[in-house]
PDB file of all heavy atoms in Angstrom:
ATOM      1  N   SER A   1      18.882  -3.549 -10.884  1.00  0.00           N
ATOM      2  CA  SER A   1      18.741  -2.147 -10.461  1.00  0.00           C
ATOM      3  C   SER A   1      18.482  -2.050  -8.968  1.00  0.00           C
ATOM      4  O   SER A   1      19.064  -1.207  -8.275  1.00  0.00           O
ATOM      5  CB  SER A   1      17.606  -1.485 -11.244  1.00  0.00           C
ATOM      6  OG  SER A   1      17.826  -1.570 -12.637  1.00  0.00           O
ATOM      7  N   ASN A   2      17.599  -2.895  -8.473  1.00  0.00           N
ATOM      8  CA  ASN A   2      17.282  -2.883  -7.036  1.00  0.00           C
ATOM      9  C   ASN A   2      18.508  -3.205  -6.202  1.00  0.00           C
ATOM     10  O   ASN A   2      18.695  -2.623  -5.122  1.00  0.00           O
ATOM     11  CB  ASN A   2      16.173  -3.876  -6.733  1.00  0.00           C
ATOM     12  CG  ASN A   2      14.821  -3.490  -7.304  1.00  0.00           C
ATOM     13  OD1 ASN A   2      13.909  -4.299  -7.357  1.00  0.00           O
ATOM     14  ND2 ASN A   2      14.670  -2.255  -7.769  1.00  0.00           N
ATOM     15  N   LEU A   3      19.355  -4.117  -6.672  1.00  0.00           N
ATOM     16  CA  LEU A   3      20.582  -4.449  -5.936  1.00  0.00           C
ATOM     17  C   LEU A   3      21.518  -3.242  -5.889  1.00  0.00           C
ATOM     18  O   LEU A   3      22.114  -2.951  -4.851  1.00  0.00           O
ATOM     19  CB  LEU A   3      21.296  -5.632  -6.580  1.00  0.00           C
ATOM     20  CG  LEU A   3      20.628  -7.009  -6.488  1.00  0.00           C
ATOM     21  CD1 LEU A   3      21.561  -8.078  -7.062  1.00  0.00           C
ATOM     22  CD2 LEU A   3      20.266  -7.356  -5.050  1.00  0.00           C
ATOM     23  N   LEU A   4      21.655  -2.547  -7.013  1.00  0.00           N
ATOM     24  CA  LEU A   4      22.524  -1.369  -7.043  1.00  0.00           C
ATOM     25  C   LEU A   4      22.004  -0.285  -6.092  1.00  0.00           C
ATOM     26  O   LEU A   4      22.773   0.350  -5.370  1.00  0.00           O
ATOM     27  CB  LEU A   4      22.604  -0.808  -8.467  1.00  0.00           C
ATOM     28  CG  LEU A   4      23.370  -1.653  -9.484  1.00  0.00           C
ATOM     29  CD1 LEU A   4      23.164  -1.108 -10.890  1.00  0.00           C
ATOM     30  CD2 LEU A   4      24.855  -1.704  -9.158  1.00  0.00           C
ATOM     31  N   GLY A   5      20.694  -0.089  -6.078  1.00  0.00           N
ATOM     32  CA  GLY A   5      20.118   0.942  -5.229  1.00  0.00           C
ATOM     33  C   GLY A   5      20.083   0.590  -3.761  1.00  0.00           C
ATOM     34  O   GLY A   5      19.909   1.461  -2.906  1.00  0.00           O
ATOM     35  N   ALA A   6      20.259  -0.716  -3.457  1.00  0.00           N
ATOM     36  CA  ALA A   6      20.169  -1.158  -2.060  1.00  0.00           C
ATOM     37  C   ALA A   6      21.289  -0.598  -1.195  1.00  0.00           C
ATOM     38  O   ALA A   6      21.136  -0.479   0.019  1.00  0.00           O
ATOM     39  CB  ALA A   6      20.189  -2.691  -2.001  1.00  0.00           C
ATOM     40  N   ASP A   7      22.418  -0.256  -1.796  1.00  0.00           N
ATOM     41  CA  ASP A   7      23.553   0.306  -1.067  1.00  0.00           C
ATOM     42  C   ASP A   7      23.728   1.752  -1.514  1.00  0.00           C
ATOM     43  O   ASP A   7      24.115   2.018  -2.651  1.00  0.00           O
ATOM     44  CB  ASP A   7      24.828  -0.505  -1.352  1.00  0.00           C
ATOM     45  CG  ASP A   7      25.980  -0.130  -0.434  1.00  0.00           C
ATOM     46  OD1 ASP A   7      26.000   1.017   0.062  1.00  0.00           O
ATOM     47  OD2 ASP A   7      26.872  -0.973  -0.226  1.00  0.00           O
ATOM     48  N   ARG A   8      23.436   2.678  -0.619  1.00  0.00           N
ATOM     49  CA  ARG A   8      23.494   4.091  -0.993  1.00  0.00           C
ATOM     50  C   ARG A   8      24.917   4.579  -1.223  1.00  0.00           C
ATOM     51  O   ARG A   8      25.115   5.692  -1.727  1.00  0.00           O
ATOM     52  CB  ARG A   8      22.793   4.950   0.067  1.00  0.00           C
ATOM     53  CG  ARG A   8      21.265   4.724   0.113  1.00  0.00           C
ATOM     54  CD  ARG A   8      20.621   4.880  -1.251  1.00  0.00           C
ATOM     55  NE  ARG A   8      19.164   4.761  -1.195  1.00  0.00           N
ATOM     56  CZ  ARG A   8      18.380   4.675  -2.241  1.00  0.00           C
ATOM     57  NH1 ARG A   8      18.911   4.664  -3.455  1.00  0.00           N
ATOM     58  NH2 ARG A   8      17.066   4.582  -2.117  1.00  0.00           N
ATOM     59  N   ARG A   9      25.904   3.803  -0.871  1.00  0.00           N
ATOM     60  CA  ARG A   9      27.280   4.153  -1.252  1.00  0.00           C
ATOM     61  C   ARG A   9      27.478   3.968  -2.750  1.00  0.00           C
ATOM     62  O   ARG A   9      28.417   4.511  -3.329  1.00  0.00           O
ATOM     63  CB  ARG A   9      28.278   3.291  -0.492  1.00  0.00           C
ATOM     64  CG  ARG A   9      28.296   3.494   1.016  1.00  0.00           C
ATOM     65  CD  ARG A   9      29.229   2.506   1.682  1.00  0.00           C
ATOM     66  NE  ARG A   9      28.792   1.135   1.454  1.00  0.00           N
ATOM     67  CZ  ARG A   9      29.533   0.058   1.734  1.00  0.00           C
ATOM     68  NH1 ARG A   9      30.748   0.208   2.235  1.00  0.00           N
ATOM     69  NH2 ARG A   9      29.060  -1.148   1.510  1.00  0.00           N
ATOM     70  N   VAL A  10      26.595   3.195  -3.365  1.00  0.00           N
ATOM     71  CA  VAL A  10      26.679   2.915  -4.800  1.00  0.00           C
ATOM     72  C   VAL A  10      25.812   3.876  -5.590  1.00  0.00           C
ATOM     73  O   VAL A  10      26.204   4.375  -6.634  1.00  0.00           O
ATOM     74  CB  VAL A  10      26.247   1.462  -5.094  1.00  0.00           C
ATOM     75  CG1 VAL A  10      26.181   1.198  -6.602  1.00  0.00           C
ATOM     76  CG2 VAL A  10      27.204   0.486  -4.423  1.00  0.00           C
ATOM     77  N   CYS A  11      24.631   4.116  -5.078  1.00  0.00           N
ATOM     78  CA  CYS A  11      23.676   4.904  -5.844  1.00  0.00           C
ATOM     79  C   CYS A  11      22.816   5.762  -4.925  1.00  0.00           C
ATOM     80  O   CYS A  11      22.188   5.250  -4.001  1.00  0.00           O
ATOM     81  CB  CYS A  11      22.795   3.969  -6.670  1.00  0.00           C
ATOM     82  SG  CYS A  11      21.916   4.820  -7.970  1.00  0.00           S
ATOM     83  N   ASN A  12      22.802   7.054  -5.169  1.00  0.00           N
ATOM     84  CA  ASN A  12      21.990   7.968  -4.383  1.00  0.00           C
ATOM     85  C   ASN A  12      20.501   7.694  -4.602  1.00  0.00           C
ATOM     86  O   ASN A  12      20.101   7.149  -5.629  1.00  0.00           O
ATOM     87  CB  ASN A  12      22.250   9.425  -4.807  1.00  0.00           C
ATOM     88  CG  ASN A  12      23.695   9.807  -4.680  1.00  0.00           C
ATOM     89  OD1 ASN A  12      24.353   9.443  -3.725  1.00  0.00           O
ATOM     90  ND2 ASN A  12      24.194  10.562  -5.651  1.00  0.00           N
ATOM     91  N   TRP A  13      19.687   8.161  -3.664  1.00  0.00           N
ATOM     92  CA  TRP A  13      18.248   8.074  -3.863  1.00  0.00           C
ATOM     93  C   TRP A  13      17.869   8.859  -5.116  1.00  0.00           C
ATOM     94  O   TRP A  13      18.232  10.017  -5.286  1.00  0.00           O
ATOM     95  CB  TRP A  13      17.507   8.659  -2.660  1.00  0.00           C
ATOM     96  CG  TRP A  13      16.022   8.469  -2.776  1.00  0.00           C
ATOM     97  CD1 TRP A  13      15.286   7.448  -2.266  1.00  0.00           C
ATOM     98  CD2 TRP A  13      15.099   9.313  -3.491  1.00  0.00           C
ATOM     99  NE1 TRP A  13      13.955   7.601  -2.606  1.00  0.00           N
ATOM    100  CE2 TRP A  13      13.811   8.742  -3.361  1.00  0.00           C
ATOM    101  CE3 TRP A  13      15.232  10.488  -4.228  1.00  0.00           C
ATOM    102  CZ2 TRP A  13      12.675   9.298  -3.936  1.00  0.00           C
ATOM    103  CZ3 TRP A  13      14.090  11.048  -4.803  1.00  0.00           C
ATOM    104  CH2 TRP A  13      12.837  10.458  -4.656  1.00  0.00           C
ATOM    105  N   GLY A  14      17.132   8.220  -6.010  1.00  0.00           N
ATOM    106  CA  GLY A  14      16.655   8.872  -7.221  1.00  0.00           C
ATOM    107  C   GLY A  14      17.710   9.023  -8.297  1.00  0.00           C
ATOM    108  O   GLY A  14      17.387   9.395  -9.438  1.00  0.00           O
ATOM    109  N   GLY A  15      18.970   8.736  -7.982  1.00  0.00           N
ATOM    110  CA  GLY A  15      20.047   8.947  -8.945  1.00  0.00           C
ATOM    111  C   GLY A  15      20.453   7.676  -9.667  1.00  0.00           C
ATOM    112  O   GLY A  15      20.061   6.574  -9.312  1.00  0.00           O
ATOM    113  N   GLY A  16      21.286   7.853 -10.681  1.00  0.00           N
ATOM    114  CA  GLY A  16      21.770   6.714 -11.450  1.00  0.00           C
ATOM    115  C   GLY A  16      20.704   6.185 -12.393  1.00  0.00           C
ATOM    116  O   GLY A  16      19.521   6.510 -12.277  1.00  0.00           O
ATOM    117  N   ASN A  17      21.131   5.381 -13.331  1.00  0.00           N
ATOM    118  CA  ASN A  17      20.189   4.747 -14.247  1.00  0.00           C
ATOM    119  C   ASN A  17      20.820   3.493 -14.834  1.00  0.00           C
ATOM    120  O   ASN A  17      22.047   3.344 -14.880  1.00  0.00           O
ATOM    121  CB  ASN A  17      19.735   5.708 -15.353  1.00  0.00           C
ATOM    122  CG  ASN A  17      20.789   6.731 -15.716  1.00  0.00           C
ATOM    123  OD1 ASN A  17      21.752   6.415 -16.398  1.00  0.00           O
ATOM    124  ND2 ASN A  17      20.626   7.957 -15.227  1.00  0.00           N
ATOM    125  N   THR A  18      19.981   2.581 -15.249  1.00  0.00           N
ATOM    126  CA  THR A  18      20.416   1.286 -15.772  1.00  0.00           C
ATOM    127  C   THR A  18      19.663   1.000 -17.063  1.00  0.00           C
ATOM    128  O   THR A  18      18.592   1.560 -17.318  1.00  0.00           O
ATOM    129  CB  THR A  18      20.105   0.172 -14.766  1.00  0.00           C
ATOM    130  OG1 THR A  18      18.716   0.241 -14.405  1.00  0.00           O
ATOM    131  CG2 THR A  18      20.949   0.303 -13.513  1.00  0.00           C
ATOM    132  N   SER A  19      20.213   0.090 -17.864  1.00  0.00           N
ATOM    133  CA  SER A  19      19.545  -0.262 -19.115  1.00  0.00           C
ATOM    134  C   SER A  19      19.898  -1.677 -19.541  1.00  0.00           C
ATOM    135  O   SER A  19      20.916  -2.240 -19.128  1.00  0.00           O
ATOM    136  CB  SER A  19      19.940   0.712 -20.231  1.00  0.00           C
ATOM    137  OG  SER A  19      21.308   0.521 -20.585  1.00  0.00           O
ATOM    138  N   SER A  20      19.033  -2.226 -20.371  1.00  0.00           N
ATOM    139  CA  SER A  20      19.278  -3.522 -21.016  1.00  0.00           C
ATOM    140  C   SER A  20      18.691  -3.473 -22.418  1.00  0.00           C
ATOM    141  O   SER A  20      17.598  -2.926 -22.627  1.00  0.00           O
ATOM    142  CB  SER A  20      18.615  -4.664 -20.241  1.00  0.00           C
ATOM    143  OG  SER A  20      19.277  -4.914 -19.029  1.00  0.00           O
ATOM    144  N   LYS A  21      19.398  -4.063 -23.369  1.00  0.00           N
ATOM    145  CA  LYS A  21      18.918  -4.142 -24.754  1.00  0.00           C
ATOM    146  C   LYS A  21      18.436  -5.566 -25.005  1.00  0.00           C
ATOM    147  O   LYS A  21      19.184  -6.529 -24.803  1.00  0.00           O
ATOM    148  CB  LYS A  21      20.027  -3.739 -25.724  1.00  0.00           C
ATOM    149  CG  LYS A  21      20.539  -2.312 -25.511  1.00  0.00           C
ATOM    150  CD  LYS A  21      21.658  -1.958 -26.475  1.00  0.00           C
ATOM    151  CE  LYS A  21      22.164  -0.538 -26.256  1.00  0.00           C
ATOM    152  NZ  LYS A  21      23.052  -0.417 -25.091  1.00  0.00           N
ATOM    153  N   THR A  22      17.184  -5.691 -25.413  1.00  0.00           N
ATOM    154  CA  THR A  22      16.562  -7.001 -25.602  1.00  0.00           C
ATOM    155  C   THR A  22      15.846  -7.050 -26.949  1.00  0.00           C
ATOM    156  O   THR A  22      15.700  -6.031 -27.631  1.00  0.00           O
ATOM    157  CB  THR A  22      15.529  -7.285 -24.496  1.00  0.00           C
ATOM    158  OG1 THR A  22      14.460  -6.346 -24.604  1.00  0.00           O
ATOM    159  CG2 THR A  22      16.154  -7.173 -23.109  1.00  0.00           C
ATOM    160  N   ILE A  23      15.411  -8.219 -27.329  1.00  0.00           N
ATOM    161  CA  ILE A  23      14.600  -8.392 -28.530  1.00  0.00           C
ATOM    162  C   ILE A  23      13.148  -8.588 -28.093  1.00  0.00           C
ATOM    163  O   ILE A  23      12.854  -9.461 -27.286  1.00  0.00           O
ATOM    164  CB  ILE A  23      15.070  -9.593 -29.370  1.00  0.00           C
ATOM    165  CG1 ILE A  23      16.537  -9.411 -29.787  1.00  0.00           C
ATOM    166  CG2 ILE A  23      14.178  -9.770 -30.597  1.00  0.00           C
ATOM    167  CD1 ILE A  23      16.795  -8.183 -30.645  1.00  0.00           C
ATOM    168  N   GLU A  24      12.272  -7.756 -28.610  1.00  0.00           N
ATOM    169  CA  GLU A  24      10.856  -7.823 -28.270  1.00  0.00           C
ATOM    170  C   GLU A  24      10.021  -7.909 -29.547  1.00  0.00           C
ATOM    171  O   GLU A  24      10.495  -7.607 -30.646  1.00  0.00           O
ATOM    172  CB  GLU A  24      10.441  -6.564 -27.483  1.00  0.00           C
ATOM    173  CG  GLU A  24      11.293  -6.249 -26.273  1.00  0.00           C
ATOM    174  CD  GLU A  24      11.066  -7.198 -25.111  1.00  0.00           C
ATOM    175  OE1 GLU A  24      10.050  -7.922 -25.111  1.00  0.00           O
ATOM    176  OE2 GLU A  24      11.922  -7.216 -24.196  1.00  0.00           O
ATOM    177  N   LYS A  25       8.771  -8.306 -29.393  1.00  0.00           N
ATOM    178  CA  LYS A  25       7.830  -8.322 -30.507  1.00  0.00           C
ATOM    179  C   LYS A  25       7.121  -6.962 -30.556  1.00  0.00           C
ATOM    180  O   LYS A  25       6.643  -6.467 -29.534  1.00  0.00           O
ATOM    181  CB  LYS A  25       6.780  -9.412 -30.314  1.00  0.00           C
ATOM    182  CG  LYS A  25       7.335 -10.843 -30.334  1.00  0.00           C
ATOM    183  CD  LYS A  25       7.713 -11.288 -31.726  1.00  0.00           C
ATOM    184  CE  LYS A  25       8.121 -12.767 -31.725  1.00  0.00           C
ATOM    185  NZ  LYS A  25       8.583 -13.200 -33.079  1.00  0.00           N
ATOM    186  N   ASP A  26       7.066  -6.359 -31.737  1.00  0.00           N
ATOM    187  CA  ASP A  26       6.324  -5.109 -31.840  1.00  0.00           C
ATOM    188  C   ASP A  26       4.842  -5.400 -32.067  1.00  0.00           C
ATOM    189  O   ASP A  26       4.414  -6.564 -32.051  1.00  0.00           O
ATOM    190  CB  ASP A  26       6.902  -4.209 -32.925  1.00  0.00           C
ATOM    191  CG  ASP A  26       6.618  -4.706 -34.343  1.00  0.00           C
ATOM    192  OD1 ASP A  26       5.976  -5.767 -34.493  1.00  0.00           O
ATOM    193  OD2 ASP A  26       7.031  -4.027 -35.301  1.00  0.00           O
ATOM    194  N   PHE A  27       4.049  -4.366 -32.285  1.00  0.00           N
ATOM    195  CA  PHE A  27       2.604  -4.550 -32.395  1.00  0.00           C
ATOM    196  C   PHE A  27       2.203  -5.356 -33.633  1.00  0.00           C
ATOM    197  O   PHE A  27       1.082  -5.850 -33.726  1.00  0.00           O
ATOM    198  CB  PHE A  27       1.904  -3.186 -32.400  1.00  0.00           C
ATOM    199  CG  PHE A  27       2.124  -2.379 -33.655  1.00  0.00           C
ATOM    200  CD1 PHE A  27       1.134  -2.317 -34.628  1.00  0.00           C
ATOM    201  CD2 PHE A  27       3.302  -1.687 -33.854  1.00  0.00           C
ATOM    202  CE1 PHE A  27       1.338  -1.580 -35.782  1.00  0.00           C
ATOM    203  CE2 PHE A  27       3.504  -0.948 -35.001  1.00  0.00           C
ATOM    204  CZ  PHE A  27       2.529  -0.886 -35.986  1.00  0.00           C
ATOM    205  N   ARG A  28       3.174  -5.519 -34.585  1.00  0.00           N
ATOM    206  CA  ARG A  28       2.895  -6.329 -35.780  1.00  0.00           C
ATOM    207  C   ARG A  28       3.505  -7.721 -35.679  1.00  0.00           C
ATOM    208  O   ARG A  28       3.480  -8.487 -36.640  1.00  0.00           O
ATOM    209  CB  ARG A  28       3.433  -5.609 -37.022  1.00  0.00           C
ATOM    210  CG  ARG A  28       2.701  -4.314 -37.336  1.00  0.00           C
ATOM    211  CD  ARG A  28       3.356  -3.530 -38.447  1.00  0.00           C
ATOM    212  NE  ARG A  28       3.459  -4.298 -39.688  1.00  0.00           N
ATOM    213  CZ  ARG A  28       4.101  -3.875 -40.786  1.00  0.00           C
ATOM    214  NH1 ARG A  28       4.692  -2.684 -40.764  1.00  0.00           N
ATOM    215  NH2 ARG A  28       4.160  -4.617 -41.863  1.00  0.00           N
ATOM    216  N   GLY A  29       4.075  -8.025 -34.505  1.00  0.00           N
ATOM    217  CA  GLY A  29       4.658  -9.346 -34.313  1.00  0.00           C
ATOM    218  C   GLY A  29       6.078  -9.491 -34.825  1.00  0.00           C
ATOM    219  O   GLY A  29       6.622 -10.600 -34.870  1.00  0.00           O
ATOM    220  N   ARG A  30       6.719  -8.390 -35.195  1.00  0.00           N
ATOM    221  CA  ARG A  30       8.095  -8.426 -35.692  1.00  0.00           C
ATOM    222  C   ARG A  30       9.086  -8.329 -34.538  1.00  0.00           C
ATOM    223  O   ARG A  30       8.815  -7.653 -33.553  1.00  0.00           O
ATOM    224  CB  ARG A  30       8.338  -7.266 -36.665  1.00  0.00           C
ATOM    225  CG  ARG A  30       7.466  -7.274 -37.895  1.00  0.00           C
ATOM    226  CD  ARG A  30       7.645  -5.988 -38.700  1.00  0.00           C
ATOM    227  NE  ARG A  30       7.303  -4.806 -37.911  1.00  0.00           N
ATOM    228  CZ  ARG A  30       7.322  -3.562 -38.386  1.00  0.00           C
ATOM    229  NH1 ARG A  30       7.685  -3.342 -39.642  1.00  0.00           N
ATOM    230  NH2 ARG A  30       6.990  -2.545 -37.615  1.00  0.00           N
ATOM    231  N   ASP A  31      10.245  -9.001 -34.699  1.00  0.00           N
ATOM    232  CA  ASP A  31      11.314  -8.880 -33.716  1.00  0.00           C
ATOM    233  C   ASP A  31      12.013  -7.532 -33.885  1.00  0.00           C
ATOM    234  O   ASP A  31      12.456  -7.196 -34.994  1.00  0.00           O
ATOM    235  CB  ASP A  31      12.342 -10.004 -33.889  1.00  0.00           C
ATOM    236  CG  ASP A  31      11.812 -11.335 -33.392  1.00  0.00           C
ATOM    237  OD1 ASP A  31      10.854 -11.335 -32.609  1.00  0.00           O
ATOM    238  OD2 ASP A  31      12.356 -12.378 -33.804  1.00  0.00           O
ATOM    239  N   ILE A  32      12.082  -6.766 -32.801  1.00  0.00           N
ATOM    240  CA  ILE A  32      12.798  -5.491 -32.844  1.00  0.00           C
ATOM    241  C   ILE A  32      13.703  -5.394 -31.619  1.00  0.00           C
ATOM    242  O   ILE A  32      13.437  -5.992 -30.581  1.00  0.00           O
ATOM    243  CB  ILE A  32      11.836  -4.290 -32.870  1.00  0.00           C
ATOM    244  CG1 ILE A  32      10.934  -4.292 -31.615  1.00  0.00           C
ATOM    245  CG2 ILE A  32      11.005  -4.284 -34.146  1.00  0.00           C
ATOM    246  CD1 ILE A  32      10.128  -3.010 -31.459  1.00  0.00           C
ATOM    247  N   GLU A  33      14.780  -4.634 -31.767  1.00  0.00           N
ATOM    248  CA  GLU A  33      15.684  -4.420 -30.638  1.00  0.00           C
ATOM    249  C   GLU A  33      15.146  -3.258 -29.808  1.00  0.00           C
ATOM    250  O   GLU A  33      14.905  -2.163 -30.329  1.00  0.00           O
ATOM    251  CB  GLU A  33      17.100  -4.118 -31.106  1.00  0.00           C
ATOM    252  CG  GLU A  33      18.092  -4.042 -29.939  1.00  0.00           C
ATOM    253  CD  GLU A  33      19.522  -3.764 -30.380  1.00  0.00           C
ATOM    254  OE1 GLU A  33      19.725  -3.432 -31.568  1.00  0.00           O
ATOM    255  OE2 GLU A  33      20.424  -3.871 -29.519  1.00  0.00           O
ATOM    256  N   VAL A  34      14.958  -3.535 -28.523  1.00  0.00           N
ATOM    257  CA  VAL A  34      14.410  -2.532 -27.611  1.00  0.00           C
ATOM    258  C   VAL A  34      15.393  -2.308 -26.468  1.00  0.00           C
ATOM    259  O   VAL A  34      15.946  -3.266 -25.915  1.00  0.00           O
ATOM    260  CB  VAL A  34      13.050  -2.989 -27.045  1.00  0.00           C
ATOM    261  CG1 VAL A  34      12.582  -2.064 -25.919  1.00  0.00           C
ATOM    262  CG2 VAL A  34      12.006  -3.045 -28.151  1.00  0.00           C
ATOM    263  N   MET A  35      15.624  -1.070 -26.114  1.00  0.00           N
ATOM    264  CA  MET A  35      16.416  -0.752 -24.925  1.00  0.00           C
ATOM    265  C   MET A  35      15.459  -0.345 -23.813  1.00  0.00           C
ATOM    266  O   MET A  35      14.662   0.582 -23.964  1.00  0.00           O
ATOM    267  CB  MET A  35      17.401   0.378 -25.186  1.00  0.00           C
ATOM    268  CG  MET A  35      18.260   0.709 -23.950  1.00  0.00           C
ATOM    269  SD  MET A  35      19.498   1.989 -24.228  1.00  0.00           S
ATOM    270  CE  MET A  35      18.460   3.447 -24.329  1.00  0.00           C
ATOM    271  N   TRP A  36      15.557  -1.069 -22.715  1.00  0.00           N
ATOM    272  CA  TRP A  36      14.802  -0.717 -21.516  1.00  0.00           C
ATOM    273  C   TRP A  36      15.698   0.153 -20.642  1.00  0.00           C
ATOM    274  O   TRP A  36      16.813  -0.236 -20.301  1.00  0.00           O
ATOM    275  CB  TRP A  36      14.389  -1.970 -20.750  1.00  0.00           C
ATOM    276  CG  TRP A  36      13.447  -2.848 -21.515  1.00  0.00           C
ATOM    277  CD1 TRP A  36      13.760  -3.942 -22.259  1.00  0.00           C
ATOM    278  CD2 TRP A  36      12.031  -2.681 -21.618  1.00  0.00           C
ATOM    279  NE1 TRP A  36      12.632  -4.489 -22.829  1.00  0.00           N
ATOM    280  CE2 TRP A  36      11.546  -3.737 -22.437  1.00  0.00           C
ATOM    281  CE3 TRP A  36      11.118  -1.771 -21.097  1.00  0.00           C
ATOM    282  CZ2 TRP A  36      10.198  -3.877 -22.747  1.00  0.00           C
ATOM    283  CZ3 TRP A  36       9.778  -1.914 -21.401  1.00  0.00           C
ATOM    284  CH2 TRP A  36       9.327  -2.952 -22.218  1.00  0.00           C
ATOM    285  N   VAL A  37      15.218   1.344 -20.302  1.00  0.00           N
ATOM    286  CA  VAL A  37      16.025   2.267 -19.515  1.00  0.00           C
ATOM    287  C   VAL A  37      15.170   2.864 -18.403  1.00  0.00           C
ATOM    288  O   VAL A  37      13.945   2.997 -18.540  1.00  0.00           O
ATOM    289  CB  VAL A  37      16.616   3.384 -20.408  1.00  0.00           C
ATOM    290  CG1 VAL A  37      15.515   4.299 -20.947  1.00  0.00           C
ATOM    291  CG2 VAL A  37      17.686   4.184 -19.681  1.00  0.00           C
ATOM    292  N   LYS A  38      15.815   3.183 -17.308  1.00  0.00           N
ATOM    293  CA  LYS A  38      15.109   3.768 -16.160  1.00  0.00           C
ATOM    294  C   LYS A  38      14.311   4.997 -16.569  1.00  0.00           C
ATOM    295  O   LYS A  38      14.797   5.860 -17.288  1.00  0.00           O
ATOM    296  CB  LYS A  38      16.131   4.158 -15.091  1.00  0.00           C
ATOM    297  CG  LYS A  38      15.539   4.916 -13.903  1.00  0.00           C
ATOM    298  CD  LYS A  38      16.631   5.530 -13.045  1.00  0.00           C
ATOM    299  CE  LYS A  38      16.026   6.439 -11.986  1.00  0.00           C
ATOM    300  NZ  LYS A  38      17.043   7.151 -11.225  1.00  0.00           N
ATOM    301  N   GLY A  39      13.065   5.037 -16.076  1.00  0.00           N
ATOM    302  CA  GLY A  39      12.234   6.198 -16.333  1.00  0.00           C
ATOM    303  C   GLY A  39      12.579   7.345 -15.397  1.00  0.00           C
ATOM    304  O   GLY A  39      13.092   7.149 -14.297  1.00  0.00           O
ATOM    305  N   SER A  40      12.281   8.554 -15.826  1.00  0.00           N
ATOM    306  CA  SER A  40      12.600   9.737 -15.035  1.00  0.00           C
ATOM    307  C   SER A  40      11.800   9.760 -13.745  1.00  0.00           C
ATOM    308  O   SER A  40      10.617   9.419 -13.712  1.00  0.00           O
ATOM    309  CB  SER A  40      12.289  10.983 -15.856  1.00  0.00           C
ATOM    310  OG  SER A  40      12.691  12.147 -15.172  1.00  0.00           O
TER     311      SER A  40
END
């Protein structure tokens, strides 16, 4: 995300968003699919 934002020809200040889907442990220790996405 930082690389994309480093060039303002690619991404305006405050604009755009990125995401990744990963496997994380939930509060019970189970594997769950989580999407990490830019916060507002």
